[in-house]
N, C-alpha and C. Protein backbone atom coordinates (compact mmCIF):
# COMPACT_ATOMS: atom_id res chain seq x y z
N UNK A 1 52.55 147.69 173.53
CA UNK A 1 53.61 147.28 172.51
C UNK A 1 53.12 146.89 170.87
N UNK A 2 53.70 147.13 169.80
CA UNK A 2 53.59 146.41 168.77
C UNK A 2 54.59 145.36 168.13
N UNK A 3 54.19 144.14 168.17
CA UNK A 3 55.10 143.27 167.95
C UNK A 3 55.85 143.32 166.35
N UNK A 4 56.46 142.89 166.29
CA UNK A 4 56.98 142.44 164.90
C UNK A 4 55.82 141.93 163.70
N UNK A 5 55.43 140.97 164.25
CA UNK A 5 54.23 140.33 163.42
C UNK A 5 53.12 141.35 162.85
N UNK A 6 52.70 141.72 163.90
CA UNK A 6 51.96 143.04 163.53
C UNK A 6 52.52 144.29 162.75
N UNK A 7 53.57 144.67 162.90
CA UNK A 7 54.21 145.52 162.19
C UNK A 7 54.12 145.60 160.78
N UNK A 8 54.54 144.23 160.66
CA UNK A 8 54.81 143.87 158.90
C UNK A 8 53.37 144.20 157.77
N UNK A 9 52.44 144.10 158.79
CA UNK A 9 50.90 144.19 158.20
C UNK A 9 50.65 145.65 157.88
N UNK A 10 51.60 146.55 157.97
CA UNK A 10 51.65 147.78 157.63
C UNK A 10 53.04 148.62 157.29
N UNK A 11 53.57 147.48 156.36
CA UNK A 11 55.12 147.99 155.88
C UNK A 11 54.65 148.51 154.26
N UNK A 12 53.03 148.58 153.85
CA UNK A 12 52.88 149.39 152.86
C UNK A 12 53.00 150.88 153.31
N UNK A 13 52.58 151.54 154.72
CA UNK A 13 52.65 152.66 154.86
C UNK A 13 54.41 152.87 155.22
N UNK A 14 54.92 154.29 154.68
CA UNK A 14 56.24 154.74 154.62
C UNK A 14 56.47 155.32 156.26
N UNK A 15 57.26 154.74 157.10
CA UNK A 15 57.06 155.84 157.78
C UNK A 15 58.17 156.93 158.12
N UNK A 16 58.77 157.01 156.71
CA UNK A 16 59.56 158.10 156.13
C UNK A 16 58.35 159.27 156.05
N UNK A 17 57.66 158.90 155.48
CA UNK A 17 56.71 159.98 154.94
C UNK A 17 55.62 160.32 155.89
N UNK A 18 55.26 159.47 156.56
CA UNK A 18 54.61 159.65 158.14
C UNK A 18 54.99 160.79 158.90
N UNK A 19 56.21 160.57 158.97
CA UNK A 19 57.23 161.49 159.96
C UNK A 19 57.05 162.75 159.41
N UNK A 20 57.48 162.82 158.22
CA UNK A 20 57.57 164.00 157.16
C UNK A 20 56.40 164.84 157.28
N UNK A 21 55.02 163.88 156.90
CA UNK A 21 54.02 165.00 157.01
C UNK A 21 53.71 165.24 158.57
N UNK A 22 54.05 164.91 159.82
CA UNK A 22 53.60 164.86 161.14
C UNK A 22 54.68 165.92 161.51
N UNK A 23 55.87 166.56 160.98
CA UNK A 23 56.61 167.33 161.07
C UNK A 23 56.25 168.55 160.02
N UNK A 24 55.66 168.43 159.35
CA UNK A 24 54.83 169.33 158.69
C UNK A 24 53.49 169.95 159.45
N UNK A 25 52.85 169.00 159.78
CA UNK A 25 51.87 169.50 160.75
C UNK A 25 52.50 170.39 161.93
N UNK A 26 53.88 170.01 162.29
CA UNK A 26 53.94 170.94 163.43
C UNK A 26 54.42 172.03 163.16
N UNK A 27 54.80 172.20 162.11
CA UNK A 27 55.12 173.87 161.57
C UNK A 27 53.49 174.45 161.19
N UNK A 28 52.84 173.54 160.63
CA UNK A 28 51.63 174.80 160.28
C UNK A 28 50.84 174.94 161.56
N UNK A 29 50.77 174.02 163.22
CA UNK A 29 50.10 173.95 163.98
C UNK A 29 50.72 175.69 164.78
N UNK A 30 51.96 175.40 164.82
CA UNK A 30 52.94 176.30 165.39
C UNK A 30 52.49 177.57 165.08
N UNK A 31 52.29 177.42 163.72
CA UNK A 31 52.14 178.87 162.80
C UNK A 31 50.80 179.22 163.25
N UNK A 32 49.82 178.73 163.10
CA UNK A 32 48.56 178.99 163.36
C UNK A 32 48.53 179.39 164.65
N UNK A 33 48.85 178.91 165.67
CA UNK A 33 48.75 179.03 167.63
C UNK A 33 49.74 180.51 167.43
N UNK A 34 50.37 180.78 167.09
CA UNK A 34 51.17 182.43 167.14
C UNK A 34 50.38 183.57 166.81
N UNK A 35 49.67 182.92 165.24
CA UNK A 35 48.58 183.87 164.66
C UNK A 35 47.68 183.89 165.23
N UNK A 36 47.13 183.19 166.31
CA UNK A 36 45.91 182.82 166.69
C UNK A 36 45.90 184.08 168.04
N UNK A 37 47.45 183.64 168.59
CA UNK A 37 47.39 184.48 169.74
C UNK A 37 47.77 185.69 169.73
N UNK A 38 48.99 185.77 169.03
CA UNK A 38 49.59 187.40 168.78
C UNK A 38 48.65 188.43 167.99
N UNK A 39 47.52 187.70 167.06
CA UNK A 39 46.94 188.60 165.90
C UNK A 39 45.77 188.64 166.75
N UNK A 40 44.91 187.75 166.84
CA UNK A 40 43.50 187.65 167.49
C UNK A 40 43.28 188.13 168.90
N UNK A 41 44.57 187.35 169.67
CA UNK A 41 44.35 187.55 171.42
C UNK A 41 45.12 188.07 171.82
N UNK A 42 45.47 189.49 171.11
CA UNK A 42 46.25 190.59 171.87
C UNK A 42 47.49 190.01 172.68
N UNK A 43 47.96 189.30 172.09
CA UNK A 43 50.07 188.62 172.35
C UNK A 43 50.01 187.68 173.98
N UNK A 44 51.45 187.85 174.29
CA UNK A 44 51.68 186.68 175.67
C UNK A 44 52.12 187.87 176.40
N UNK A 45 51.96 187.31 177.65
CA UNK A 45 52.97 188.13 178.52
C UNK A 45 52.36 187.30 180.40
N UNK A 46 53.91 187.31 180.89
CA UNK A 46 53.93 186.63 182.38
C UNK A 46 52.87 187.59 183.32
N UNK A 47 52.97 188.29 183.04
CA UNK A 47 53.06 189.66 183.83
C UNK A 47 52.12 191.25 183.43
N UNK A 48 50.85 191.34 183.02
CA UNK A 48 50.11 191.98 182.45
C UNK A 48 48.72 192.81 183.07
N UNK A 49 48.62 193.82 183.27
CA UNK A 49 47.25 194.64 183.53
C UNK A 49 46.29 193.85 182.75
N UNK A 50 46.49 193.24 181.53
CA UNK A 50 45.55 192.68 179.95
C UNK A 50 45.69 191.24 180.66
N UNK A 51 44.76 190.74 181.39
CA UNK A 51 44.89 189.19 181.86
C UNK A 51 44.89 188.20 180.92
N UNK A 52 43.95 188.51 180.30
CA UNK A 52 43.67 187.21 178.96
C UNK A 52 45.61 187.30 178.09
N UNK A 53 46.85 188.38 178.13
CA UNK A 53 47.87 187.78 177.68
C UNK A 53 48.39 186.86 178.59
N UNK A 54 48.24 186.76 179.76
CA UNK A 54 48.80 185.83 181.00
C UNK A 54 48.12 184.78 180.18
N UNK A 55 46.97 184.82 180.05
CA UNK A 55 46.05 182.76 179.64
C UNK A 55 46.70 182.35 178.61
N UNK A 56 47.21 183.27 177.46
CA UNK A 56 47.80 183.09 176.19
C UNK A 56 49.05 182.30 176.28
N UNK A 57 49.78 182.20 177.62
CA UNK A 57 50.83 181.38 177.79
C UNK A 57 50.44 180.00 177.79
N UNK A 58 49.51 179.71 178.54
CA UNK A 58 48.60 178.73 178.60
C UNK A 58 48.80 177.72 176.95
N UNK A 59 47.81 177.95 176.43
CA UNK A 59 47.46 177.29 174.99
C UNK A 59 49.25 177.64 174.26
N UNK A 60 49.95 178.32 174.42
CA UNK A 60 50.90 178.30 173.75
C UNK A 60 52.12 177.45 174.02
N UNK A 61 52.08 177.23 175.27
CA UNK A 61 53.08 176.50 175.66
C UNK A 61 52.56 174.81 176.13
N UNK A 62 50.81 175.19 176.30
CA UNK A 62 50.66 173.29 176.16
C UNK A 62 50.36 172.73 175.02
N UNK A 63 50.03 173.60 173.79
CA UNK A 63 50.08 173.04 172.73
C UNK A 63 51.49 172.68 171.84
N UNK A 64 52.16 173.94 171.58
CA UNK A 64 53.29 173.62 171.33
C UNK A 64 54.64 173.29 172.13
N UNK A 65 54.73 173.82 173.06
CA UNK A 65 56.06 172.87 174.25
C UNK A 65 55.71 171.48 174.85
N UNK A 66 54.35 171.19 174.72
CA UNK A 66 53.94 170.15 175.82
C UNK A 66 53.44 168.88 174.45
N UNK A 67 52.47 169.42 173.98
CA UNK A 67 51.80 168.04 172.79
C UNK A 67 53.11 167.93 171.79
N UNK A 68 53.10 168.80 170.87
CA UNK A 68 53.86 168.78 170.11
C UNK A 68 55.07 168.11 170.46
N UNK A 69 55.95 169.10 171.08
CA UNK A 69 57.22 168.61 171.54
C UNK A 69 57.35 166.79 171.76
N UNK A 70 56.47 166.49 172.37
CA UNK A 70 56.27 164.99 173.05
C UNK A 70 55.80 164.30 172.15
N UNK A 71 55.01 164.59 171.02
CA UNK A 71 55.00 164.03 169.59
C UNK A 71 56.13 163.89 169.06
N UNK A 72 57.07 164.74 168.96
CA UNK A 72 58.68 164.56 168.41
C UNK A 72 59.26 163.85 169.11
N UNK A 73 59.08 164.01 170.27
CA UNK A 73 59.96 162.85 170.79
C UNK A 73 59.41 161.21 170.85
N UNK A 74 58.32 161.19 170.84
CA UNK A 74 57.78 159.65 170.70
C UNK A 74 58.23 158.95 168.87
N UNK A 75 58.20 159.89 168.08
CA UNK A 75 58.98 159.89 167.11
C UNK A 75 60.94 159.59 166.64
N UNK A 76 61.26 160.14 167.48
CA UNK A 76 62.60 159.91 167.35
C UNK A 76 63.14 159.09 167.07
N UNK A 77 62.63 157.59 167.50
CA UNK A 77 63.33 156.36 166.95
C UNK A 77 63.49 156.30 165.41
N UNK A 78 62.00 157.36 164.57
CA UNK A 78 61.83 157.21 163.66
C UNK A 78 62.34 158.43 162.12
N UNK A 79 63.22 159.17 163.09
CA UNK A 79 63.39 160.34 162.59
C UNK A 79 64.97 160.81 162.71
N UNK A 80 65.51 160.01 163.59
CA UNK A 80 67.26 160.89 163.91
C UNK A 80 67.84 159.82 163.64
N UNK A 81 68.53 159.49 162.47
CA UNK A 81 69.64 158.35 162.39
C UNK A 81 71.04 158.36 162.90
N UNK A 82 70.73 157.85 164.31
CA UNK A 82 72.16 157.43 165.32
C UNK A 82 71.92 156.09 166.01
N UNK A 83 72.64 156.28 167.14
CA UNK A 83 72.48 154.81 167.95
C UNK A 83 71.60 154.81 168.89
N UNK A 84 71.09 153.42 169.37
CA UNK A 84 69.83 153.40 169.93
C UNK A 84 70.38 154.02 171.45
N UNK A 85 71.80 154.20 171.95
CA UNK A 85 71.77 154.64 172.86
C UNK A 85 71.13 156.28 172.55
N UNK A 86 71.97 156.89 171.90
CA UNK A 86 71.44 158.27 171.34
C UNK A 86 70.19 158.55 171.07
N UNK A 87 69.38 157.44 170.15
CA UNK A 87 67.63 157.61 170.39
C UNK A 87 67.48 157.97 172.12
N UNK A 88 67.95 157.02 173.01
CA UNK A 88 66.95 157.03 174.08
C UNK A 88 67.18 158.64 174.77
N UNK A 89 68.18 158.87 174.61
CA UNK A 89 68.82 160.46 175.22
C UNK A 89 68.10 161.61 174.21
N UNK A 90 68.15 161.37 173.01
CA UNK A 90 67.10 162.29 172.14
C UNK A 90 65.42 162.36 172.95
N UNK A 91 65.05 161.09 173.20
CA UNK A 91 63.82 160.81 173.50
C UNK A 91 63.69 161.61 174.70
N UNK A 92 64.51 160.94 175.68
CA UNK A 92 64.24 161.53 177.30
C UNK A 92 64.61 163.44 177.37
N UNK A 93 65.52 163.56 176.62
CA UNK A 93 65.59 165.15 176.56
C UNK A 93 64.20 165.95 175.94
N UNK A 94 64.08 165.68 174.84
CA UNK A 94 62.59 165.92 174.22
C UNK A 94 61.37 166.07 175.12
N UNK A 95 61.09 164.73 175.74
CA UNK A 95 60.24 164.44 176.94
C UNK A 95 60.29 165.74 177.49
N UNK A 96 61.42 165.80 178.35
CA UNK A 96 62.02 166.87 179.66
C UNK A 96 61.47 168.22 178.94
N UNK A 97 61.83 168.54 177.95
CA UNK A 97 61.65 169.57 177.55
C UNK A 97 59.92 170.00 177.44
N UNK A 98 58.94 169.20 176.79
CA UNK A 98 57.51 169.14 176.94
C UNK A 98 57.35 168.96 178.50
N UNK A 99 57.72 168.37 179.28
CA UNK A 99 57.34 168.57 180.64
C UNK A 99 57.72 169.71 181.48
N UNK A 100 58.93 170.31 181.24
CA UNK A 100 59.15 171.51 181.78
C UNK A 100 57.91 172.92 181.03
N UNK A 101 57.60 172.45 179.84
CA UNK A 101 56.99 173.67 179.00
C UNK A 101 55.19 173.51 179.66
N UNK A 102 55.21 172.20 180.04
CA UNK A 102 53.38 171.87 180.67
C UNK A 102 53.14 172.28 181.79
N UNK A 103 54.49 172.33 182.45
CA UNK A 103 54.30 172.82 184.22
C UNK A 103 53.99 174.10 183.91
N UNK A 104 54.87 174.96 183.20
CA UNK A 104 54.95 176.68 183.23
C UNK A 104 53.76 176.77 182.74
N UNK A 105 53.27 175.82 181.60
CA UNK A 105 51.61 176.53 181.11
C UNK A 105 50.46 176.22 181.84
N UNK A 106 50.36 174.86 182.73
CA UNK A 106 49.64 174.71 183.89
C UNK A 106 50.03 176.33 185.01
N UNK A 107 51.20 176.45 185.51
CA UNK A 107 51.22 177.55 185.90
C UNK A 107 50.72 178.90 185.62
N UNK A 108 50.72 179.03 184.21
CA UNK A 108 50.12 180.13 183.83
C UNK A 108 48.98 180.41 183.83
N UNK A 109 48.19 179.44 184.00
CA UNK A 109 46.58 179.28 183.80
C UNK A 109 46.19 179.39 185.35
N UNK A 110 46.81 178.63 186.06
CA UNK A 110 46.62 179.23 187.68
C UNK A 110 46.81 180.40 188.08
N UNK A 111 47.86 181.40 187.36
CA UNK A 111 48.04 182.62 187.66
C UNK A 111 46.87 183.54 187.06
N UNK A 112 46.59 183.41 185.90
CA UNK A 112 45.60 183.98 185.03
C UNK A 112 44.52 183.99 186.20
N UNK A 113 43.75 182.48 186.60
CA UNK A 113 42.77 182.33 187.19
C UNK A 113 42.70 183.43 188.85
N UNK A 114 43.78 183.19 189.38
CA UNK A 114 44.03 183.97 190.55
C UNK A 114 44.03 185.46 190.60
N UNK A 115 44.80 186.24 189.29
CA UNK A 115 44.79 187.43 189.24
C UNK A 115 43.39 187.73 188.63
N UNK A 116 42.73 187.13 187.96
CA UNK A 116 41.39 187.25 187.58
C UNK A 116 39.81 187.12 188.51
N UNK A 117 40.56 186.35 189.32
CA UNK A 117 39.02 185.92 190.63
C UNK A 117 37.99 184.90 189.71
N UNK A 118 39.20 183.84 189.11
CA UNK A 118 38.43 182.72 188.60
C UNK A 118 38.45 181.33 189.26
N UNK A 119 37.80 180.73 189.50
CA UNK A 119 37.72 179.59 190.17
C UNK A 119 39.19 178.42 189.52
N UNK A 120 39.35 177.65 190.77
CA UNK A 120 40.24 176.73 189.45
C UNK A 120 39.50 175.35 189.31
N UNK A 121 39.87 174.23 188.13
CA UNK A 121 39.83 173.10 188.01
C UNK A 121 38.20 172.60 188.41
N UNK A 122 37.58 173.40 187.36
CA UNK A 122 36.42 173.47 187.54
C UNK A 122 35.29 172.97 186.21
N UNK A 123 36.36 172.34 185.49
CA UNK A 123 35.99 171.48 183.91
C UNK A 123 36.60 170.29 183.80
N UNK A 124 35.70 169.26 182.58
CA UNK A 124 36.84 168.51 182.29
C UNK A 124 38.19 168.46 182.01
N UNK A 125 38.55 169.67 181.15
CA UNK A 125 39.57 169.76 180.14
C UNK A 125 40.46 170.13 181.84
N UNK A 126 40.26 170.94 182.71
CA UNK A 126 41.16 171.31 183.73
C UNK A 126 41.64 169.61 184.47
N UNK A 127 40.71 168.90 184.72
CA UNK A 127 40.79 167.47 185.78
C UNK A 127 41.60 166.93 184.46
N UNK A 128 41.44 166.63 183.91
CA UNK A 128 42.01 165.78 182.38
C UNK A 128 43.51 166.27 182.36
N UNK A 129 43.31 167.08 182.17
CA UNK A 129 44.93 168.44 181.87
C UNK A 129 45.88 168.41 183.13
N UNK A 130 45.64 168.40 184.51
CA UNK A 130 46.53 167.98 185.43
C UNK A 130 46.86 166.46 185.51
N UNK A 131 45.69 165.77 185.60
CA UNK A 131 46.02 164.54 185.85
C UNK A 131 47.15 164.38 184.36
N UNK A 132 46.98 164.64 183.37
CA UNK A 132 47.79 163.83 182.05
C UNK A 132 49.56 164.81 182.44
N UNK A 133 49.45 165.83 183.35
CA UNK A 133 50.74 166.27 183.60
C UNK A 133 51.44 165.71 184.53
N UNK A 134 50.81 165.29 185.66
CA UNK A 134 51.13 164.45 186.65
C UNK A 134 51.70 163.38 186.27
N UNK A 135 50.82 162.40 185.62
CA UNK A 135 51.29 161.26 184.97
C UNK A 135 52.65 161.27 184.13
N UNK A 136 52.65 161.94 183.24
CA UNK A 136 53.89 162.48 182.25
C UNK A 136 54.96 162.60 183.41
N UNK A 137 55.09 163.10 184.39
CA UNK A 137 56.24 163.68 184.96
C UNK A 137 56.40 162.22 185.46
N UNK A 138 55.44 161.51 186.23
CA UNK A 138 55.81 160.03 186.86
C UNK A 138 56.34 159.72 185.71
N UNK A 139 55.94 159.21 184.62
CA UNK A 139 56.61 158.49 183.51
C UNK A 139 57.74 158.84 183.11
N UNK A 140 57.91 160.05 182.98
CA UNK A 140 59.45 160.45 182.86
C UNK A 140 60.37 160.10 183.89
N UNK A 141 60.05 160.23 185.08
CA UNK A 141 60.99 159.96 186.37
C UNK A 141 61.27 158.72 186.24
N UNK A 142 60.33 157.65 186.25
CA UNK A 142 60.50 156.58 186.38
C UNK A 142 60.98 155.60 185.10
N UNK A 143 61.16 156.37 183.75
CA UNK A 143 61.70 156.10 182.76
C UNK A 143 63.49 156.25 182.85
N UNK A 144 63.63 157.49 183.18
CA UNK A 144 64.98 158.20 183.50
C UNK A 144 65.57 157.01 184.29
N UNK A 145 64.93 156.93 185.57
CA UNK A 145 65.64 155.61 186.93
C UNK A 145 66.02 154.44 186.30
N UNK A 146 65.20 153.87 185.09
CA UNK A 146 64.90 152.56 184.57
C UNK A 146 66.16 152.19 183.54
N UNK A 147 65.94 153.41 182.60
CA UNK A 147 66.57 153.34 181.23
C UNK A 147 67.95 154.35 181.07
N UNK A 148 68.06 155.26 181.94
CA UNK A 148 69.20 156.03 182.11
C UNK A 148 69.87 155.61 183.38
N UNK A 149 70.16 157.24 183.97
CA UNK A 149 71.36 156.56 185.28
C UNK A 149 69.93 156.51 186.33
N UNK A 150 70.26 155.54 187.42
CA UNK A 150 71.49 155.01 187.50
C UNK A 150 71.41 153.43 186.67
N UNK A 151 70.06 153.58 185.97
CA UNK A 151 69.69 152.41 185.14
C UNK A 151 69.49 150.54 185.46
N UNK A 152 68.24 150.76 185.61
CA UNK A 152 67.87 149.13 185.89
C UNK A 152 68.74 147.97 185.10
N UNK A 153 68.65 146.66 185.80
CA UNK A 153 69.02 145.76 185.17
C UNK A 153 68.75 145.51 183.61
N UNK A 154 69.33 144.55 182.61
CA UNK A 154 68.39 144.44 181.44
C UNK A 154 67.04 143.75 181.46
N UNK A 155 67.26 142.75 182.36
CA UNK A 155 66.29 141.84 182.22
C UNK A 155 64.67 142.91 182.77
N UNK A 156 65.25 143.44 183.85
CA UNK A 156 64.22 144.69 184.42
C UNK A 156 63.70 145.48 182.95
N UNK A 157 64.90 145.83 182.34
CA UNK A 157 64.27 147.00 181.35
C UNK A 157 63.81 146.39 180.35
N UNK A 158 63.68 144.99 179.82
CA UNK A 158 62.99 144.46 179.12
C UNK A 158 61.57 144.30 179.18
N UNK A 159 61.72 143.57 180.87
CA UNK A 159 60.20 143.90 181.27
C UNK A 159 59.72 144.83 181.10
N UNK A 160 60.40 146.09 181.24
CA UNK A 160 59.21 147.66 181.58
C UNK A 160 59.29 148.05 180.13
N UNK A 161 59.64 147.85 179.13
CA UNK A 161 59.50 148.43 178.10
C UNK A 161 58.31 148.60 176.96
N UNK A 162 58.06 146.77 177.29
CA UNK A 162 56.56 147.29 176.54
C UNK A 162 55.26 148.02 177.31
N UNK A 163 55.70 148.22 178.61
CA UNK A 163 54.69 148.97 179.48
C UNK A 163 54.82 150.77 179.28
N UNK A 164 56.14 150.64 179.35
CA UNK A 164 56.74 152.14 179.08
C UNK A 164 56.60 152.88 177.69
N UNK A 165 56.11 151.93 176.59
CA UNK A 165 55.73 152.22 175.23
C UNK A 165 54.21 152.37 175.28
N UNK A 166 53.45 151.58 175.78
CA UNK A 166 52.12 151.51 175.80
C UNK A 166 51.45 152.59 176.72
N UNK A 167 51.80 152.81 177.97
CA UNK A 167 52.07 154.17 179.17
C UNK A 167 51.98 155.35 178.15
N UNK A 168 52.94 155.42 177.59
CA UNK A 168 53.85 156.38 177.03
C UNK A 168 52.49 157.14 175.78
N UNK A 169 52.15 156.00 175.18
CA UNK A 169 51.28 156.36 174.33
C UNK A 169 49.81 157.01 174.22
N UNK A 170 49.25 155.94 175.64
CA UNK A 170 48.32 156.67 176.42
C UNK A 170 48.05 158.20 177.30
N UNK A 171 49.33 158.43 177.42
CA UNK A 171 49.40 159.94 178.28
C UNK A 171 49.89 160.37 177.19
N UNK A 172 50.24 160.28 176.17
CA UNK A 172 49.97 161.12 174.48
C UNK A 172 48.72 161.04 173.88
N UNK A 173 47.94 160.24 174.06
CA UNK A 173 46.67 160.54 173.66
C UNK A 173 45.82 161.25 174.36
N UNK A 174 45.88 160.96 175.73
CA UNK A 174 45.14 162.31 176.88
C UNK A 174 45.55 163.14 176.56
N UNK A 175 47.11 163.88 176.56
CA UNK A 175 47.74 165.12 175.82
C UNK A 175 46.99 165.33 174.67
N UNK A 176 46.81 164.86 173.50
CA UNK A 176 45.79 165.10 172.51
C UNK A 176 44.56 165.78 172.74
N UNK A 177 43.24 164.63 173.93
CA UNK A 177 42.11 165.14 174.43
C UNK A 177 42.02 166.31 174.99
N UNK A 178 43.10 166.47 175.59
CA UNK A 178 43.44 167.66 176.50
C UNK A 178 43.58 169.00 175.67
N UNK A 179 44.14 168.87 174.51
CA UNK A 179 44.31 169.92 173.77
C UNK A 179 43.30 169.72 173.22
N UNK A 180 42.47 169.25 172.43
CA UNK A 180 41.33 170.07 171.48
C UNK A 180 40.12 169.66 172.49
N UNK A 181 40.23 169.59 174.11
CA UNK A 181 38.90 169.79 174.79
C UNK A 181 39.27 171.33 175.35
N UNK A 182 40.47 171.69 174.88
CA UNK A 182 40.96 173.05 175.68
C UNK A 182 40.35 173.96 174.33
N UNK A 183 40.45 173.29 173.35
CA UNK A 183 40.27 174.53 172.58
C UNK A 183 38.67 174.51 172.10
N UNK A 184 38.10 173.37 172.32
CA UNK A 184 36.32 173.45 172.11
C UNK A 184 35.91 174.71 173.60
N UNK A 185 36.73 174.43 174.54
CA UNK A 185 36.05 175.22 175.78
C UNK A 185 36.07 176.61 175.42
N UNK A 186 37.30 176.52 175.01
CA UNK A 186 37.92 178.42 174.52
C UNK A 186 37.18 179.08 173.41
N UNK A 187 37.07 178.22 172.31
CA UNK A 187 35.85 178.59 171.34
C UNK A 187 34.42 178.67 172.12
N UNK A 188 34.07 178.16 172.63
CA UNK A 188 32.66 178.41 173.49
C UNK A 188 32.65 179.76 174.06
N UNK A 189 33.68 179.52 175.17
CA UNK A 189 33.69 180.55 176.05
C UNK A 189 34.25 182.02 175.40
N UNK A 190 34.73 182.13 174.12
CA UNK A 190 34.86 183.37 173.60
C UNK A 190 33.44 183.65 172.50
N UNK A 191 32.67 182.42 172.85
CA UNK A 191 32.00 183.08 171.80
C UNK A 191 31.85 183.02 169.94
N UNK A 192 33.04 182.10 169.38
CA UNK A 192 33.45 182.11 168.16
C UNK A 192 32.47 181.62 167.21
N UNK A 193 32.39 182.49 166.12
CA UNK A 193 31.49 181.84 165.12
C UNK A 193 31.83 181.56 163.84
N UNK A 194 31.44 182.08 162.73
CA UNK A 194 31.77 181.88 161.60
C UNK A 194 32.93 183.29 161.22
N UNK A 195 33.70 183.73 161.89
CA UNK A 195 34.74 184.44 161.96
C UNK A 195 35.82 183.37 161.84
N UNK A 196 36.99 184.93 160.99
CA UNK A 196 38.39 184.41 160.77
C UNK A 196 39.26 183.92 162.31
N UNK A 197 38.59 184.22 163.80
CA UNK A 197 39.26 183.64 164.59
C UNK A 197 38.91 182.22 165.17
N UNK A 198 37.55 181.59 164.50
CA UNK A 198 36.88 180.91 164.64
C UNK A 198 37.65 179.83 163.85
N UNK A 199 37.55 180.55 162.69
CA UNK A 199 38.17 179.35 161.48
C UNK A 199 39.58 178.57 162.04
N UNK A 200 40.30 179.83 162.42
CA UNK A 200 41.77 179.53 162.79
C UNK A 200 41.70 178.28 164.50
N UNK A 201 41.24 178.65 164.92
CA UNK A 201 40.81 177.69 166.36
C UNK A 201 40.22 176.14 165.97
N UNK A 202 39.56 176.39 164.57
CA UNK A 202 39.19 175.42 164.47
C UNK A 202 39.92 174.26 163.39
N UNK A 203 40.92 175.05 162.29
CA UNK A 203 42.10 174.36 161.89
C UNK A 203 42.90 173.91 162.71
N UNK A 204 43.38 174.85 163.96
CA UNK A 204 44.29 174.38 164.95
C UNK A 204 44.08 172.79 165.22
N UNK A 205 42.64 172.79 165.88
CA UNK A 205 42.00 171.45 166.32
C UNK A 205 42.20 170.09 165.29
N UNK A 206 41.68 170.61 164.03
CA UNK A 206 41.75 169.68 163.21
C UNK A 206 43.13 169.22 162.70
N UNK A 207 44.33 169.91 162.89
CA UNK A 207 45.59 169.49 162.42
C UNK A 207 46.24 169.06 163.76
N UNK A 208 45.51 169.45 164.81
CA UNK A 208 46.22 168.16 166.24
C UNK A 208 45.79 166.97 165.85
N UNK A 209 44.66 166.73 165.53
CA UNK A 209 44.14 165.46 165.75
C UNK A 209 45.05 165.16 164.65
N UNK A 210 45.57 165.25 163.47
CA UNK A 210 45.97 164.52 162.10
C UNK A 210 47.23 164.40 162.81
N UNK A 211 47.84 165.59 163.64
CA UNK A 211 49.19 165.19 164.09
C UNK A 211 49.67 163.63 165.02
N UNK A 212 48.16 163.76 165.79
CA UNK A 212 48.13 162.94 166.87
C UNK A 212 48.13 161.58 166.14
N UNK A 213 47.45 161.29 165.12
CA UNK A 213 47.30 160.13 164.47
C UNK A 213 48.09 159.90 163.67
N UNK A 214 49.14 160.71 163.59
CA UNK A 214 50.63 160.80 162.52
C UNK A 214 51.56 160.21 163.39
N UNK A 215 51.44 160.82 164.59
CA UNK A 215 52.66 160.12 165.65
C UNK A 215 52.07 158.59 166.14
N UNK A 216 50.75 158.65 166.24
CA UNK A 216 50.20 156.88 166.28
C UNK A 216 50.45 155.42 165.25
N UNK A 217 50.46 156.73 164.21
CA UNK A 217 50.94 155.50 163.09
C UNK A 217 52.56 155.60 162.96
N UNK A 218 53.15 156.06 163.79
CA UNK A 218 55.01 155.95 163.43
C UNK A 218 54.90 154.92 164.39
N UNK A 219 54.48 154.68 165.58
CA UNK A 219 54.47 154.03 166.58
C UNK A 219 54.16 152.49 166.22
N UNK A 220 53.32 152.20 165.16
CA UNK A 220 52.61 151.42 164.29
C UNK A 220 53.60 150.55 163.47
N UNK A 221 54.24 151.59 162.41
CA UNK A 221 54.77 151.17 161.20
C UNK A 221 56.59 151.11 162.02
C-alpha cells in the first residue's frame, strides 16, 4: 500500500492522463485481439469440428474479459466520480465480471485439450494461469465478506485494506505475466515469424505490457 508521503513524490504525473491512456490501450488491445482471432485464427466457437475455434475463446476471455476488466476494476477509484461506497461496489462488480470471464476462459482451454487429445497443465503458462485464477477467486470472496455483505468491523477493515491492495496488485501482475507467456507460447506453437499475424501478436503483447504499467502507475498516483 502506497502511503500519502510516497504519493506526493508522483504528483508530477496526472492520474487522469494515465487512466485515459490506459482506456485507449484497452480499446486498442481489444481491437487487435478481435482482429487476430476473427481474421487470422478462423473465429470463435464453444462447439465446433474446427477445434482451434474452441481454443480461441480462451485468449479472448483471458485477455479482454479477465486481464483488461481486472485492470479497469483497479482503476475504478480514479476513473469513476462517485462516492466511496459506489467505488467499492463498482470495483467488486468489475472484478466479479473478470473472475467469471476467467473461469469460462479456463474451461474453454480444458475443453479444447479434451477434444483434441492434448495433455493438461504441462507448461509454465498453465501452472501460473490456474494459480492466478484460484488466488483471484479467493481474493474476491474474502474481499466480499470483509468489505461488503455482511461486512467486518471497521477496525478489521482498516487492518485488511493495505493487504487487500497489495495482494490485489500482485495477482493483477501475475495475470499480466500469464497473458504475456500465453502469447509467447502461442507465437512459438504457431511458428509465427515476420508475417502480419506475428506482428499483431507482438503488438498485443507490447500493449498489454503498457496497460499493466499504466494500471500500476494509477495505484502510485
